[in-house]
Amino acid sequence: MSDQPLNSKYDLKLFVLESLQELAELHKALDNPIRLEILARLLVEEKEFKNLQDEMNIPKTTLANHLNQLLEKALVEKLERGLYRISDDGEDILRSSSKVFLEIKMREQQRLEAISRRYEAMIQRYTNTSSGIKMNENEKFRIVKLPSMKVASFHAMGEFLGDPEDKASKKLGNWARPRGMFDDPKFKVFGFNNPDPKYNKETKEFLINKDNPYGYEFWVTLPPDFEVDDDINTKEFEGGLYVVTRCKGVHKLGEVWKNLYDWVKINNKYKFAPHQCLEHNINKEEDGEKILFDVYFPISE
């Protein structure tokens, strides 16, 4: 096994493949909140068994079992009868795993903030309404759990609003229509901004240029056994929980996105989530004013 640092994904891949069993055993040693608590309580000072037991308020046999597992992996050291301290390896792995955990949570928060900005851009794209909940009395909101699915992806960039949608739609149509996918209900079409257009609140204009790109991406769902040409980009979508409502025509999308956004804000049971927002083209129309949409706003409980 190489002693060189893992500076590339290739090096990391080789290291993990060469060390699968050892890495799994090391993670298993930490895969319990009691063992993590033991390491944390030993970080600052050595502790006797009795003191650990009193602080953690767990049975003697339970503490002994978890300590033995940490001792086996050299994450804890036994100095003398009944006295324990965290090892250098134990401190390193606790520090590094906590650092990675915090970075993951920060990225999650950044994704949520990006989602909020994305919805604001969507709202501004179609409507100038910026405050108040204007839900039609007949507008129905439903909770939907989308399953994981394989999709063919068609993406395009544009120079003005509507341009990337038209380009991506043509790519999708040229591939899907000859295969009869628009006439078969088992194939579903979804779309979303990728990336969102940037909006200047002061000038009330979208900033779309080479430094501020704007794009749109269409997905068409594929059965597991569906064969796809090598030049077609496919993706695996993990699915997720959504609040969904329906609208007709692209001119209504901004208002509907805002209503969904406000619905989540005032609903105590659900919160914003980072998985992909989606616009489902139900009738597979290409005329923007005739498209019937189910609009999917990502949420979590």
C-alpha atoms as a PDB file:
ATOM      1  CA  MET A   1       0.000   0.000   0.000  1.00  0.00           C
ATOM      2  CA  SER A   2       1.350   3.399  -0.980  1.00  0.00           C
ATOM      3  CA  ASP A   3       2.497   5.853   1.713  1.00  0.00           C
ATOM      4  CA  GLN A   4       1.855   8.826  -0.599  1.00  0.00           C
ATOM      5  CA  PRO A   5      -1.078  11.127   0.194  1.00  0.00           C
ATOM      6  CA  LEU A   6      -4.291  10.543  -1.744  1.00  0.00           C
ATOM      7  CA  ASN A   7      -4.018  13.556  -4.020  1.00  0.00           C
ATOM      8  CA  SER A   8      -6.333  12.357  -6.776  1.00  0.00           C
ATOM      9  CA  LYS A   9      -9.611  10.512  -7.162  1.00  0.00           C
ATOM     10  CA  TYR A  10      -7.680   7.733  -8.905  1.00  0.00           C
ATOM     11  CA  ASP A  11      -5.330   7.334  -5.926  1.00  0.00           C
ATOM     12  CA  LEU A  12      -8.305   7.369  -3.558  1.00  0.00           C
ATOM     13  CA  LYS A  13     -10.125   4.758  -5.629  1.00  0.00           C
ATOM     14  CA  LEU A  14      -7.118   2.406  -5.590  1.00  0.00           C
ATOM     15  CA  PHE A  15      -6.582   2.883  -1.869  1.00  0.00           C
ATOM     16  CA  VAL A  16     -10.222   2.152  -1.010  1.00  0.00           C
ATOM     17  CA  LEU A  17     -10.318  -0.921  -3.252  1.00  0.00           C
ATOM     18  CA  GLU A  18      -7.122  -2.217  -1.633  1.00  0.00           C
ATOM     19  CA  SER A  19      -8.398  -1.536   1.902  1.00  0.00           C
ATOM     20  CA  LEU A  20     -12.097  -2.407   1.788  1.00  0.00           C
ATOM     21  CA  GLN A  21     -12.121  -4.763   4.781  1.00  0.00           C
ATOM     22  CA  GLU A  22      -9.928  -2.598   7.007  1.00  0.00           C
ATOM     23  CA  LEU A  23     -11.934   0.549   6.208  1.00  0.00           C
ATOM     24  CA  ALA A  24     -15.226  -1.239   6.847  1.00  0.00           C
ATOM     25  CA  GLU A  25     -13.963  -2.490  10.215  1.00  0.00           C
ATOM     26  CA  LEU A  26     -12.752   0.979  11.173  1.00  0.00           C
ATOM     27  CA  HIS A  27     -16.103   2.539  10.290  1.00  0.00           C
ATOM     28  CA  LYS A  28     -17.845  -0.223  12.193  1.00  0.00           C
ATOM     29  CA  ALA A  29     -15.865   0.726  15.306  1.00  0.00           C
ATOM     30  CA  LEU A  30     -17.385   4.217  15.082  1.00  0.00           C
ATOM     31  CA  ASP A  31     -20.849   3.086  13.996  1.00  0.00           C
ATOM     32  CA  ASN A  32     -22.403   3.562  17.426  1.00  0.00           C
ATOM     33  CA  PRO A  33     -23.239   6.739  19.385  1.00  0.00           C
ATOM     34  CA  ILE A  34     -21.987   5.199  22.645  1.00  0.00           C
ATOM     35  CA  ARG A  35     -18.498   4.615  21.250  1.00  0.00           C
ATOM     36  CA  LEU A  36     -18.438   8.137  19.816  1.00  0.00           C
ATOM     37  CA  GLU A  37     -19.454   9.493  23.218  1.00  0.00           C
ATOM     38  CA  ILE A  38     -16.645   7.551  24.898  1.00  0.00           C
ATOM     39  CA  LEU A  39     -14.073   9.074  22.531  1.00  0.00           C
ATOM     40  CA  ALA A  40     -15.505  12.550  23.078  1.00  0.00           C
ATOM     41  CA  ARG A  41     -15.440  12.209  26.886  1.00  0.00           C
ATOM     42  CA  LEU A  42     -11.815  11.053  26.774  1.00  0.00           C
ATOM     43  CA  LEU A  43     -10.654  13.906  24.547  1.00  0.00           C
ATOM     44  CA  VAL A  44      -9.797  16.360  27.304  1.00  0.00           C
ATOM     45  CA  GLU A  45      -8.667  14.058  30.117  1.00  0.00           C
ATOM     46  CA  GLU A  46      -8.094  10.461  31.121  1.00  0.00           C
ATOM     47  CA  LYS A  47     -10.968   8.829  32.951  1.00  0.00           C
ATOM     48  CA  GLU A  48     -11.483   5.855  35.194  1.00  0.00           C
ATOM     49  CA  PHE A  49     -14.052   3.255  34.220  1.00  0.00           C
ATOM     50  CA  LYS A  50     -16.317   4.177  37.143  1.00  0.00           C
ATOM     51  CA  ASN A  51     -16.298   7.879  36.223  1.00  0.00           C
ATOM     52  CA  LEU A  52     -17.146   7.081  32.602  1.00  0.00           C
ATOM     53  CA  GLN A  53     -20.005   4.881  33.703  1.00  0.00           C
ATOM     54  CA  ASP A  54     -21.383   7.553  36.024  1.00  0.00           C
ATOM     55  CA  GLU A  55     -21.160  10.282  33.363  1.00  0.00           C
ATOM     56  CA  MET A  56     -22.768   8.184  30.642  1.00  0.00           C
ATOM     57  CA  ASN A  57     -25.301   6.468  32.916  1.00  0.00           C
ATOM     58  CA  ILE A  58     -25.109   3.107  31.142  1.00  0.00           C
ATOM     59  CA  PRO A  59     -24.744  -0.460  32.494  1.00  0.00           C
ATOM     60  CA  LYS A  60     -21.263  -1.664  33.401  1.00  0.00           C
ATOM     61  CA  THR A  61     -21.326  -4.521  30.883  1.00  0.00           C
ATOM     62  CA  THR A  62     -22.413  -2.162  28.075  1.00  0.00           C
ATOM     63  CA  LEU A  63     -19.556   0.233  28.744  1.00  0.00           C
ATOM     64  CA  ALA A  64     -17.041  -2.614  28.993  1.00  0.00           C
ATOM     65  CA  ASN A  65     -18.177  -4.047  25.654  1.00  0.00           C
ATOM     66  CA  HIS A  66     -17.834  -0.735  23.812  1.00  0.00           C
ATOM     67  CA  LEU A  67     -14.475   0.031  25.425  1.00  0.00           C
ATOM     68  CA  ASN A  68     -13.144  -3.353  24.307  1.00  0.00           C
ATOM     69  CA  GLN A  69     -14.140  -2.628  20.719  1.00  0.00           C
ATOM     70  CA  LEU A  70     -12.335   0.703  20.829  1.00  0.00           C
ATOM     71  CA  LEU A  71      -9.283  -0.939  22.415  1.00  0.00           C
ATOM     72  CA  GLU A  72      -9.183  -3.571  19.656  1.00  0.00           C
ATOM     73  CA  LYS A  73      -8.944  -0.823  17.029  1.00  0.00           C
ATOM     74  CA  ALA A  74      -6.363   1.114  19.095  1.00  0.00           C
ATOM     75  CA  LEU A  75      -8.668   4.125  19.315  1.00  0.00           C
ATOM     76  CA  VAL A  76      -8.505   4.003  23.117  1.00  0.00           C
ATOM     77  CA  GLU A  77      -5.599   3.054  25.387  1.00  0.00           C
ATOM     78  CA  LYS A  78      -5.753   1.415  28.825  1.00  0.00           C
ATOM     79  CA  LEU A  79      -3.106   2.963  31.066  1.00  0.00           C
ATOM     80  CA  GLU A  80      -3.623   0.889  34.193  1.00  0.00           C
ATOM     81  CA  ARG A  81      -6.435  -0.974  35.838  1.00  0.00           C
ATOM     82  CA  GLY A  82      -9.615   0.983  35.230  1.00  0.00           C
ATOM     83  CA  LEU A  83      -7.958   4.064  33.669  1.00  0.00           C
ATOM     84  CA  TYR A  84      -8.460   4.945  29.989  1.00  0.00           C
ATOM     85  CA  ARG A  85      -7.438   7.665  27.537  1.00  0.00           C
ATOM     86  CA  ILE A  86      -8.060   8.358  23.875  1.00  0.00           C
ATOM     87  CA  SER A  87      -5.179   7.394  21.548  1.00  0.00           C
ATOM     88  CA  ASP A  88      -3.656   9.646  18.900  1.00  0.00           C
ATOM     89  CA  ASP A  89      -5.476   7.555  16.268  1.00  0.00           C
ATOM     90  CA  GLY A  90      -8.745   7.943  18.139  1.00  0.00           C
ATOM     91  CA  GLU A  91      -8.354  11.712  18.371  1.00  0.00           C
ATOM     92  CA  ASP A  92      -7.385  11.987  14.692  1.00  0.00           C
ATOM     93  CA  ILE A  93     -10.350   9.995  13.450  1.00  0.00           C
ATOM     94  CA  LEU A  94     -12.798  11.807  15.743  1.00  0.00           C
ATOM     95  CA  ARG A  95     -11.466  15.176  14.615  1.00  0.00           C
ATOM     96  CA  SER A  96     -11.430  14.296  10.901  1.00  0.00           C
ATOM     97  CA  SER A  97     -14.877  12.669  10.903  1.00  0.00           C
ATOM     98  CA  SER A  98     -16.346  15.675  12.739  1.00  0.00           C
ATOM     99  CA  LYS A  99     -14.718  18.024  10.228  1.00  0.00           C
ATOM    100  CA  VAL A 100     -16.171  16.080   7.288  1.00  0.00           C
ATOM    101  CA  PHE A 101     -19.601  16.012   8.968  1.00  0.00           C
ATOM    102  CA  LEU A 102     -19.551  19.802   9.428  1.00  0.00           C
ATOM    103  CA  GLU A 103     -18.491  20.316   5.802  1.00  0.00           C
ATOM    104  CA  ILE A 104     -21.373  18.107   4.636  1.00  0.00           C
ATOM    105  CA  LYS A 105     -23.870  20.078   6.752  1.00  0.00           C
ATOM    106  CA  MET A 106     -22.468  23.356   5.404  1.00  0.00           C
ATOM    107  CA  ARG A 107     -22.821  22.151   1.807  1.00  0.00           C
ATOM    108  CA  GLU A 108     -26.372  21.037   2.598  1.00  0.00           C
ATOM    109  CA  GLN A 109     -27.162  24.511   3.921  1.00  0.00           C
ATOM    110  CA  GLN A 110     -25.603  26.064   0.824  1.00  0.00           C
ATOM    111  CA  ARG A 111     -27.761  23.841  -1.393  1.00  0.00           C
ATOM    112  CA  LEU A 112     -30.872  24.910   0.509  1.00  0.00           C
ATOM    113  CA  GLU A 113     -29.909  28.565   0.125  1.00  0.00           C
ATOM    114  CA  ALA A 114     -29.287  27.992  -3.586  1.00  0.00           C
ATOM    115  CA  ILE A 115     -32.742  26.411  -3.873  1.00  0.00           C
ATOM    116  CA  SER A 116     -34.295  29.448  -2.240  1.00  0.00           C
ATOM    117  CA  ARG A 117     -32.504  31.729  -4.704  1.00  0.00           C
ATOM    118  CA  ARG A 118     -33.555  29.467  -7.579  1.00  0.00           C
ATOM    119  CA  TYR A 119     -37.216  29.700  -6.675  1.00  0.00           C
ATOM    120  CA  GLU A 120     -36.970  33.463  -6.344  1.00  0.00           C
ATOM    121  CA  ALA A 121     -35.545  33.561  -9.875  1.00  0.00           C
ATOM    122  CA  MET A 122     -38.327  31.319 -11.139  1.00  0.00           C
ATOM    123  CA  ILE A 123     -40.931  33.537  -9.524  1.00  0.00           C
ATOM    124  CA  GLN A 124     -39.401  36.699 -10.957  1.00  0.00           C
ATOM    125  CA  ARG A 125     -39.129  35.081 -14.345  1.00  0.00           C
ATOM    126  CA  TYR A 126     -42.875  34.753 -14.777  1.00  0.00           C
ATOM    127  CA  THR A 127     -44.461  37.285 -12.437  1.00  0.00           C
ATOM    128  CA  ASN A 128     -43.703  40.560 -10.722  1.00  0.00           C
ATOM    129  CA  THR A 129     -45.679  39.548  -7.626  1.00  0.00           C
ATOM    130  CA  SER A 130     -43.252  39.534  -4.691  1.00  0.00           C
ATOM    131  CA  SER A 131     -45.412  39.302  -1.592  1.00  0.00           C
ATOM    132  CA  GLY A 132     -48.597  37.717  -0.330  1.00  0.00           C
ATOM    133  CA  ILE A 133     -50.010  34.245  -0.875  1.00  0.00           C
ATOM    134  CA  LYS A 134     -52.353  34.255  -3.862  1.00  0.00           C
ATOM    135  CA  MET A 135     -53.631  30.713  -4.001  1.00  0.00           C
ATOM    136  CA  ASN A 136     -56.650  29.922  -6.089  1.00  0.00           C
ATOM    137  CA  GLU A 137     -59.359  28.350  -3.948  1.00  0.00           C
ATOM    138  CA  ASN A 138     -59.520  25.444  -6.399  1.00  0.00           C
ATOM    139  CA  GLU A 139     -55.756  24.952  -6.481  1.00  0.00           C
ATOM    140  CA  LYS A 140     -54.936  21.517  -5.085  1.00  0.00           C
ATOM    141  CA  PHE A 141     -51.686  20.640  -3.354  1.00  0.00           C
ATOM    142  CA  ARG A 142     -50.727  17.016  -2.905  1.00  0.00           C
ATOM    143  CA  ILE A 143     -47.739  15.208  -1.423  1.00  0.00           C
ATOM    144  CA  VAL A 144     -45.972  12.840  -3.819  1.00  0.00           C
ATOM    145  CA  LYS A 145     -43.015  10.501  -3.309  1.00  0.00           C
ATOM    146  CA  LEU A 146     -41.158  10.127  -6.601  1.00  0.00           C
ATOM    147  CA  PRO A 147     -39.298   6.805  -6.884  1.00  0.00           C
ATOM    148  CA  SER A 148     -35.741   6.489  -8.129  1.00  0.00           C
ATOM    149  CA  MET A 149     -35.612   6.323 -11.919  1.00  0.00           C
ATOM    150  CA  LYS A 150     -33.327   6.240 -14.915  1.00  0.00           C
ATOM    151  CA  VAL A 151     -33.656   9.166 -17.317  1.00  0.00           C
ATOM    152  CA  ALA A 152     -32.272  10.353 -20.639  1.00  0.00           C
ATOM    153  CA  SER A 153     -31.075  13.941 -20.338  1.00  0.00           C
ATOM    154  CA  PHE A 154     -31.204  16.735 -22.944  1.00  0.00           C
ATOM    155  CA  HIS A 155     -29.588  20.037 -21.985  1.00  0.00           C
ATOM    156  CA  ALA A 156     -29.073  23.352 -23.740  1.00  0.00           C
ATOM    157  CA  MET A 157     -27.731  26.802 -22.928  1.00  0.00           C
ATOM    158  CA  GLY A 158     -29.331  29.996 -24.208  1.00  0.00           C
ATOM    159  CA  GLU A 159     -28.802  33.710 -24.696  1.00  0.00           C
ATOM    160  CA  PHE A 160     -32.227  34.906 -23.517  1.00  0.00           C
ATOM    161  CA  LEU A 161     -35.284  33.651 -21.605  1.00  0.00           C
ATOM    162  CA  GLY A 162     -37.000  30.818 -23.442  1.00  0.00           C
ATOM    163  CA  ASP A 163     -33.984  30.127 -25.665  1.00  0.00           C
ATOM    164  CA  PRO A 164     -32.519  27.140 -23.743  1.00  0.00           C
ATOM    165  CA  GLU A 165     -35.996  25.639 -23.268  1.00  0.00           C
ATOM    166  CA  ASP A 166     -36.621  25.693 -27.035  1.00  0.00           C
ATOM    167  CA  LYS A 167     -33.201  24.243 -27.841  1.00  0.00           C
ATOM    168  CA  ALA A 168     -33.427  21.474 -25.238  1.00  0.00           C
ATOM    169  CA  SER A 169     -37.025  20.712 -26.285  1.00  0.00           C
ATOM    170  CA  LYS A 170     -35.922  20.217 -29.907  1.00  0.00           C
ATOM    171  CA  LYS A 171     -33.144  17.859 -28.813  1.00  0.00           C
ATOM    172  CA  LEU A 172     -35.626  15.848 -26.757  1.00  0.00           C
ATOM    173  CA  GLY A 173     -38.245  15.802 -29.511  1.00  0.00           C
ATOM    174  CA  ASN A 174     -35.808  14.767 -32.231  1.00  0.00           C
ATOM    175  CA  TRP A 175     -34.803  11.749 -30.174  1.00  0.00           C
ATOM    176  CA  ALA A 176     -38.024  10.776 -28.385  1.00  0.00           C
ATOM    177  CA  ARG A 177     -40.682  11.385 -31.043  1.00  0.00           C
ATOM    178  CA  PRO A 178     -39.400   8.854 -33.641  1.00  0.00           C
ATOM    179  CA  ARG A 179     -39.338   6.244 -30.856  1.00  0.00           C
ATOM    180  CA  GLY A 180     -42.993   6.827 -30.020  1.00  0.00           C
ATOM    181  CA  MET A 181     -42.152   8.031 -26.509  1.00  0.00           C
ATOM    182  CA  PHE A 182     -44.508  11.018 -26.659  1.00  0.00           C
ATOM    183  CA  ASP A 183     -47.421   8.686 -27.366  1.00  0.00           C
ATOM    184  CA  ASP A 184     -46.627   6.177 -24.617  1.00  0.00           C
ATOM    185  CA  PRO A 185     -47.703   7.161 -21.053  1.00  0.00           C
ATOM    186  CA  LYS A 186     -44.938   5.090 -19.438  1.00  0.00           C
ATOM    187  CA  PHE A 187     -42.426   7.698 -20.639  1.00  0.00           C
ATOM    188  CA  LYS A 188     -42.646  10.864 -18.525  1.00  0.00           C
ATOM    189  CA  VAL A 189     -41.039  14.202 -19.373  1.00  0.00           C
ATOM    190  CA  PHE A 190     -39.590  16.490 -16.679  1.00  0.00           C
ATOM    191  CA  GLY A 191     -37.704  19.775 -16.985  1.00  0.00           C
ATOM    192  CA  PHE A 192     -35.842  22.314 -14.849  1.00  0.00           C
ATOM    193  CA  ASN A 193     -33.496  25.303 -15.071  1.00  0.00           C
ATOM    194  CA  ASN A 194     -29.813  24.337 -15.220  1.00  0.00           C
ATOM    195  CA  PRO A 195     -28.378  26.760 -14.264  1.00  0.00           C
ATOM    196  CA  ASP A 196     -30.951  29.355 -13.187  1.00  0.00           C
ATOM    197  CA  PRO A 197     -30.871  32.826 -14.715  1.00  0.00           C
ATOM    198  CA  LYS A 198     -29.446  35.458 -12.400  1.00  0.00           C
ATOM    199  CA  TYR A 199     -31.845  38.261 -11.514  1.00  0.00           C
ATOM    200  CA  ASN A 200     -30.861  41.809 -10.603  1.00  0.00           C
ATOM    201  CA  LYS A 201     -33.404  43.045  -8.058  1.00  0.00           C
ATOM    202  CA  GLU A 202     -32.329  46.677  -8.505  1.00  0.00           C
ATOM    203  CA  THR A 203     -32.708  46.828 -12.294  1.00  0.00           C
ATOM    204  CA  LYS A 204     -35.417  44.127 -12.333  1.00  0.00           C
ATOM    205  CA  GLU A 205     -33.651  42.473 -15.236  1.00  0.00           C
ATOM    206  CA  PHE A 206     -32.125  39.050 -15.832  1.00  0.00           C
ATOM    207  CA  LEU A 207     -28.374  38.880 -16.311  1.00  0.00           C
ATOM    208  CA  ILE A 208     -27.838  36.366 -19.107  1.00  0.00           C
ATOM    209  CA  ASN A 209     -24.453  36.431 -20.805  1.00  0.00           C
ATOM    210  CA  LYS A 210     -21.243  34.403 -21.010  1.00  0.00           C
ATOM    211  CA  ASP A 211     -20.411  35.306 -17.399  1.00  0.00           C
ATOM    212  CA  ASN A 212     -23.951  34.560 -16.210  1.00  0.00           C
ATOM    213  CA  PRO A 213     -25.069  31.483 -18.158  1.00  0.00           C
ATOM    214  CA  TYR A 214     -28.616  30.206 -18.261  1.00  0.00           C
ATOM    215  CA  GLY A 215     -29.734  26.745 -19.301  1.00  0.00           C
ATOM    216  CA  TYR A 216     -32.575  24.255 -19.260  1.00  0.00           C
ATOM    217  CA  GLU A 217     -32.583  20.475 -18.992  1.00  0.00           C
ATOM    218  CA  PHE A 218     -35.245  17.948 -19.990  1.00  0.00           C
ATOM    219  CA  TRP A 219     -35.503  14.391 -18.699  1.00  0.00           C
ATOM    220  CA  VAL A 220     -37.497  11.556 -20.182  1.00  0.00           C
ATOM    221  CA  THR A 221     -37.899   8.522 -17.924  1.00  0.00           C
ATOM    222  CA  LEU A 222     -36.666   5.151 -19.128  1.00  0.00           C
ATOM    223  CA  PRO A 223     -37.703   1.611 -18.185  1.00  0.00           C
ATOM    224  CA  PRO A 224     -34.819  -0.405 -16.669  1.00  0.00           C
ATOM    225  CA  ASP A 225     -34.456  -2.578 -19.786  1.00  0.00           C
ATOM    226  CA  PHE A 226     -34.647   0.300 -22.286  1.00  0.00           C
ATOM    227  CA  GLU A 227     -31.587   0.435 -24.550  1.00  0.00           C
ATOM    228  CA  VAL A 228     -30.089   3.887 -25.169  1.00  0.00           C
ATOM    229  CA  ASP A 229     -27.609   4.985 -27.826  1.00  0.00           C
ATOM    230  CA  ASP A 230     -24.087   5.639 -26.593  1.00  0.00           C
ATOM    231  CA  ASP A 231     -24.287   9.342 -27.501  1.00  0.00           C
ATOM    232  CA  ILE A 232     -27.338   9.933 -25.258  1.00  0.00           C
ATOM    233  CA  ASN A 233     -26.630  11.137 -21.727  1.00  0.00           C
ATOM    234  CA  THR A 234     -28.402   9.060 -19.064  1.00  0.00           C
ATOM    235  CA  LYS A 235     -28.690   9.700 -15.337  1.00  0.00           C
ATOM    236  CA  GLU A 236     -29.926   7.919 -12.221  1.00  0.00           C
ATOM    237  CA  PHE A 237     -32.339  10.098 -10.227  1.00  0.00           C
ATOM    238  CA  GLU A 238     -32.734   9.098  -6.572  1.00  0.00           C
ATOM    239  CA  GLY A 239     -36.279  10.434  -6.275  1.00  0.00           C
ATOM    240  CA  GLY A 240     -37.660  12.208  -3.236  1.00  0.00           C
ATOM    241  CA  LEU A 241     -40.637  13.807  -1.497  1.00  0.00           C
ATOM    242  CA  TYR A 242     -42.523  16.682  -3.179  1.00  0.00           C
ATOM    243  CA  VAL A 243     -45.506  18.958  -2.814  1.00  0.00           C
ATOM    244  CA  VAL A 244     -47.164  19.089  -6.230  1.00  0.00           C
ATOM    245  CA  THR A 245     -49.785  21.196  -7.959  1.00  0.00           C
ATOM    246  CA  ARG A 246     -50.942  21.635 -11.542  1.00  0.00           C
ATOM    247  CA  CYS A 247     -50.967  24.539 -13.984  1.00  0.00           C
ATOM    248  CA  LYS A 248     -51.481  25.165 -17.693  1.00  0.00           C
ATOM    249  CA  GLY A 249     -49.116  27.298 -19.737  1.00  0.00           C
ATOM    250  CA  VAL A 250     -45.612  28.567 -19.049  1.00  0.00           C
ATOM    251  CA  HIS A 251     -47.022  32.013 -18.169  1.00  0.00           C
ATOM    252  CA  LYS A 252     -48.532  30.465 -15.021  1.00  0.00           C
ATOM    253  CA  LEU A 253     -45.367  28.738 -13.792  1.00  0.00           C
ATOM    254  CA  GLY A 254     -43.991  31.665 -11.816  1.00  0.00           C
ATOM    255  CA  GLU A 255     -47.228  32.140  -9.888  1.00  0.00           C
ATOM    256  CA  VAL A 256     -47.464  28.407  -9.174  1.00  0.00           C
ATOM    257  CA  TRP A 257     -43.839  28.175  -8.007  1.00  0.00           C
ATOM    258  CA  LYS A 258     -44.502  31.070  -5.647  1.00  0.00           C
ATOM    259  CA  ASN A 259     -47.631  29.434  -4.291  1.00  0.00           C
ATOM    260  CA  LEU A 260     -45.742  26.207  -3.631  1.00  0.00           C
ATOM    261  CA  TYR A 261     -42.911  28.138  -1.974  1.00  0.00           C
ATOM    262  CA  ASP A 262     -45.376  29.984   0.283  1.00  0.00           C
ATOM    263  CA  TRP A 263     -47.250  26.749   1.027  1.00  0.00           C
ATOM    264  CA  VAL A 264     -44.071  25.198   2.438  1.00  0.00           C
ATOM    265  CA  LYS A 265     -43.278  28.352   4.435  1.00  0.00           C
ATOM    266  CA  ILE A 266     -46.605  28.289   6.265  1.00  0.00           C
ATOM    267  CA  ASN A 267     -46.828  24.497   6.638  1.00  0.00           C
ATOM    268  CA  ASN A 268     -45.340  23.292   9.919  1.00  0.00           C
ATOM    269  CA  LYS A 269     -45.097  19.632   8.864  1.00  0.00           C
ATOM    270  CA  TYR A 270     -42.736  20.081   5.899  1.00  0.00           C
ATOM    271  CA  LYS A 271     -39.544  22.003   5.140  1.00  0.00           C
ATOM    272  CA  PHE A 272     -37.462  22.859   2.078  1.00  0.00           C
ATOM    273  CA  ALA A 273     -35.263  20.046   0.734  1.00  0.00           C
ATOM    274  CA  PRO A 274     -32.258  20.033  -1.635  1.00  0.00           C
ATOM    275  CA  HIS A 275     -33.312  17.436  -4.228  1.00  0.00           C
ATOM    276  CA  GLN A 276     -34.149  18.533  -7.763  1.00  0.00           C
ATOM    277  CA  CYS A 277     -37.179  20.729  -8.435  1.00  0.00           C
ATOM    278  CA  LEU A 278     -39.114  19.537 -11.490  1.00  0.00           C
ATOM    279  CA  GLU A 279     -41.706  20.615 -14.023  1.00  0.00           C
ATOM    280  CA  HIS A 280     -43.589  17.610 -15.393  1.00  0.00           C
ATOM    281  CA  ASN A 281     -44.950  18.110 -18.917  1.00  0.00           C
ATOM    282  CA  ILE A 282     -48.072  15.948 -18.623  1.00  0.00           C
ATOM    283  CA  ASN A 283     -49.487  16.245 -22.123  1.00  0.00           C
ATOM    284  CA  LYS A 284     -46.011  16.408 -23.776  1.00  0.00           C
ATOM    285  CA  GLU A 285     -47.005  19.546 -25.669  1.00  0.00           C
ATOM    286  CA  GLU A 286     -44.326  21.783 -27.175  1.00  0.00           C
ATOM    287  CA  ASP A 287     -46.530  24.886 -27.427  1.00  0.00           C
ATOM    288  CA  GLY A 288     -45.757  26.793 -24.221  1.00  0.00           C
ATOM    289  CA  GLU A 289     -49.324  28.036 -23.788  1.00  0.00           C
ATOM    290  CA  LYS A 290     -50.845  24.568 -24.158  1.00  0.00           C
ATOM    291  CA  ILE A 291     -48.475  22.614 -21.888  1.00  0.00           C
ATOM    292  CA  LEU A 292     -50.158  21.058 -18.856  1.00  0.00           C
ATOM    293  CA  PHE A 293     -47.686  20.955 -15.965  1.00  0.00           C
ATOM    294  CA  ASP A 294     -47.419  19.173 -12.666  1.00  0.00           C
ATOM    295  CA  VAL A 295     -44.982  21.336 -10.701  1.00  0.00           C
ATOM    296  CA  TYR A 296     -42.844  19.470  -8.140  1.00  0.00           C
ATOM    297  CA  PHE A 297     -41.424  21.429  -5.188  1.00  0.00           C
ATOM    298  CA  PRO A 298     -38.881  19.357  -3.129  1.00  0.00           C
ATOM    299  CA  ILE A 299     -39.664  18.946   0.576  1.00  0.00           C
ATOM    300  CA  SER A 300     -38.801  16.802   3.582  1.00  0.00           C
ATOM    301  CA  GLU A 301     -40.659  16.000   6.781  1.00  0.00           C
END
